[in-house]
Amino acid sequence: MDQKRLEAFEKMLAAVQKEYADMISSMNKMKADGKVKTVTYQQLMARKLMYQNMLSLYQIYGLVEESV
């Protein structure tokens, strides 16, 4: 059971980190295109903050190395 939980956690962590990186990339492109006032950009900002908070919690509890 512990091994399955660890594998599930590692899979979830990788997904969160990838999604976070993808959001940053999308936001940077939109910013370069001058689209920071669009609804899509604002939604990405909200999601970015949520994912950043999740990654920070993982970091606080020693589950990932500092990278946020």
C-alpha atoms as a PDB file:
ATOM      1  CA  MET A   1       0.000   0.000   0.000  1.00  0.00           C
ATOM      2  CA  ASP A   2       2.800   2.451   0.884  1.00  0.00           C
ATOM      3  CA  GLN A   3       4.505   1.874  -2.459  1.00  0.00           C
ATOM      4  CA  LYS A   4       1.269   2.622  -4.331  1.00  0.00           C
ATOM      5  CA  ARG A   5       0.797   5.826  -2.346  1.00  0.00           C
ATOM      6  CA  LEU A   6       4.362   6.908  -3.066  1.00  0.00           C
ATOM      7  CA  GLU A   7       3.930   6.193  -6.777  1.00  0.00           C
ATOM      8  CA  ALA A   8       0.633   8.114  -6.822  1.00  0.00           C
ATOM      9  CA  PHE A   9       2.260  11.055  -5.029  1.00  0.00           C
ATOM     10  CA  GLU A  10       5.215  11.108  -7.428  1.00  0.00           C
ATOM     11  CA  LYS A  11       2.848  10.999 -10.400  1.00  0.00           C
ATOM     12  CA  MET A  12       0.712  13.819  -8.978  1.00  0.00           C
ATOM     13  CA  LEU A  13       3.774  15.934  -8.138  1.00  0.00           C
ATOM     14  CA  ALA A  14       5.139  15.547 -11.658  1.00  0.00           C
ATOM     15  CA  ALA A  15       1.756  16.564 -13.100  1.00  0.00           C
ATOM     16  CA  VAL A  16       1.561  19.636 -10.846  1.00  0.00           C
ATOM     17  CA  GLN A  17       5.110  20.694 -11.729  1.00  0.00           C
ATOM     18  CA  LYS A  18       4.476  20.236 -15.463  1.00  0.00           C
ATOM     19  CA  GLU A  19       1.184  22.136 -15.326  1.00  0.00           C
ATOM     20  CA  TYR A  20       2.879  24.958 -13.400  1.00  0.00           C
ATOM     21  CA  ALA A  21       5.679  25.192 -15.969  1.00  0.00           C
ATOM     22  CA  ASP A  22       3.160  25.153 -18.830  1.00  0.00           C
ATOM     23  CA  MET A  23       1.173  27.963 -17.203  1.00  0.00           C
ATOM     24  CA  ILE A  24       4.299  30.083 -16.769  1.00  0.00           C
ATOM     25  CA  SER A  25       5.172  29.536 -20.421  1.00  0.00           C
ATOM     26  CA  SER A  26       1.672  30.458 -21.596  1.00  0.00           C
ATOM     27  CA  MET A  27       1.601  33.544 -19.397  1.00  0.00           C
ATOM     28  CA  ASN A  28       4.988  34.707 -20.669  1.00  0.00           C
ATOM     29  CA  LYS A  29       3.813  34.352 -24.269  1.00  0.00           C
ATOM     30  CA  MET A  30       0.595  36.230 -23.541  1.00  0.00           C
ATOM     31  CA  LYS A  31       2.551  38.945 -21.723  1.00  0.00           C
ATOM     32  CA  ALA A  32       4.848  39.343 -24.721  1.00  0.00           C
ATOM     33  CA  ASP A  33       1.763  39.655 -26.938  1.00  0.00           C
ATOM     34  CA  GLY A  34       0.317  42.358 -24.663  1.00  0.00           C
ATOM     35  CA  LYS A  35      -2.616  40.216 -23.517  1.00  0.00           C
ATOM     36  CA  VAL A  36      -2.272  40.614 -19.762  1.00  0.00           C
ATOM     37  CA  LYS A  37      -5.735  42.111 -19.374  1.00  0.00           C
ATOM     38  CA  THR A  38      -7.542  39.180 -20.991  1.00  0.00           C
ATOM     39  CA  VAL A  39      -9.764  36.825 -19.036  1.00  0.00           C
ATOM     40  CA  THR A  40      -7.596  33.886 -20.069  1.00  0.00           C
ATOM     41  CA  TYR A  41      -4.489  35.537 -18.628  1.00  0.00           C
ATOM     42  CA  GLN A  42      -6.299  36.338 -15.384  1.00  0.00           C
ATOM     43  CA  GLN A  43      -7.499  32.728 -15.111  1.00  0.00           C
ATOM     44  CA  LEU A  44      -3.969  31.486 -15.688  1.00  0.00           C
ATOM     45  CA  MET A  45      -2.731  33.858 -12.974  1.00  0.00           C
ATOM     46  CA  ALA A  46      -5.255  32.451 -10.491  1.00  0.00           C
ATOM     47  CA  ARG A  47      -4.318  28.875 -11.357  1.00  0.00           C
ATOM     48  CA  LYS A  48      -0.609  29.736 -11.178  1.00  0.00           C
ATOM     49  CA  LEU A  49      -1.037  31.087  -7.660  1.00  0.00           C
ATOM     50  CA  MET A  50      -2.939  27.963  -6.590  1.00  0.00           C
ATOM     51  CA  TYR A  51      -0.282  25.638  -8.022  1.00  0.00           C
ATOM     52  CA  GLN A  52       2.492  27.788  -6.557  1.00  0.00           C
ATOM     53  CA  ASN A  53       0.844  27.436  -3.156  1.00  0.00           C
ATOM     54  CA  MET A  54       0.637  23.651  -3.565  1.00  0.00           C
ATOM     55  CA  LEU A  55       4.311  23.430  -4.506  1.00  0.00           C
ATOM     56  CA  SER A  56       5.227  25.665  -1.555  1.00  0.00           C
ATOM     57  CA  LEU A  57       3.371  23.347   0.826  1.00  0.00           C
ATOM     58  CA  TYR A  58       5.249  20.344  -0.569  1.00  0.00           C
ATOM     59  CA  GLN A  59       8.447  22.282   0.009  1.00  0.00           C
ATOM     60  CA  ILE A  60       7.525  23.243   3.588  1.00  0.00           C
ATOM     61  CA  TYR A  61       6.895  19.603   4.461  1.00  0.00           C
ATOM     62  CA  GLY A  62      10.159  18.503   2.871  1.00  0.00           C
ATOM     63  CA  LEU A  63       8.518  16.582   0.051  1.00  0.00           C
ATOM     64  CA  VAL A  64      10.373  18.448  -2.715  1.00  0.00           C
ATOM     65  CA  GLU A  65      13.548  20.457  -2.967  1.00  0.00           C
ATOM     66  CA  GLU A  66      13.365  24.249  -3.093  1.00  0.00           C
ATOM     67  CA  SER A  67      12.560  25.352  -6.617  1.00  0.00           C
ATOM     68  CA  VAL A  68       9.512  27.676  -6.423  1.00  0.00           C
END
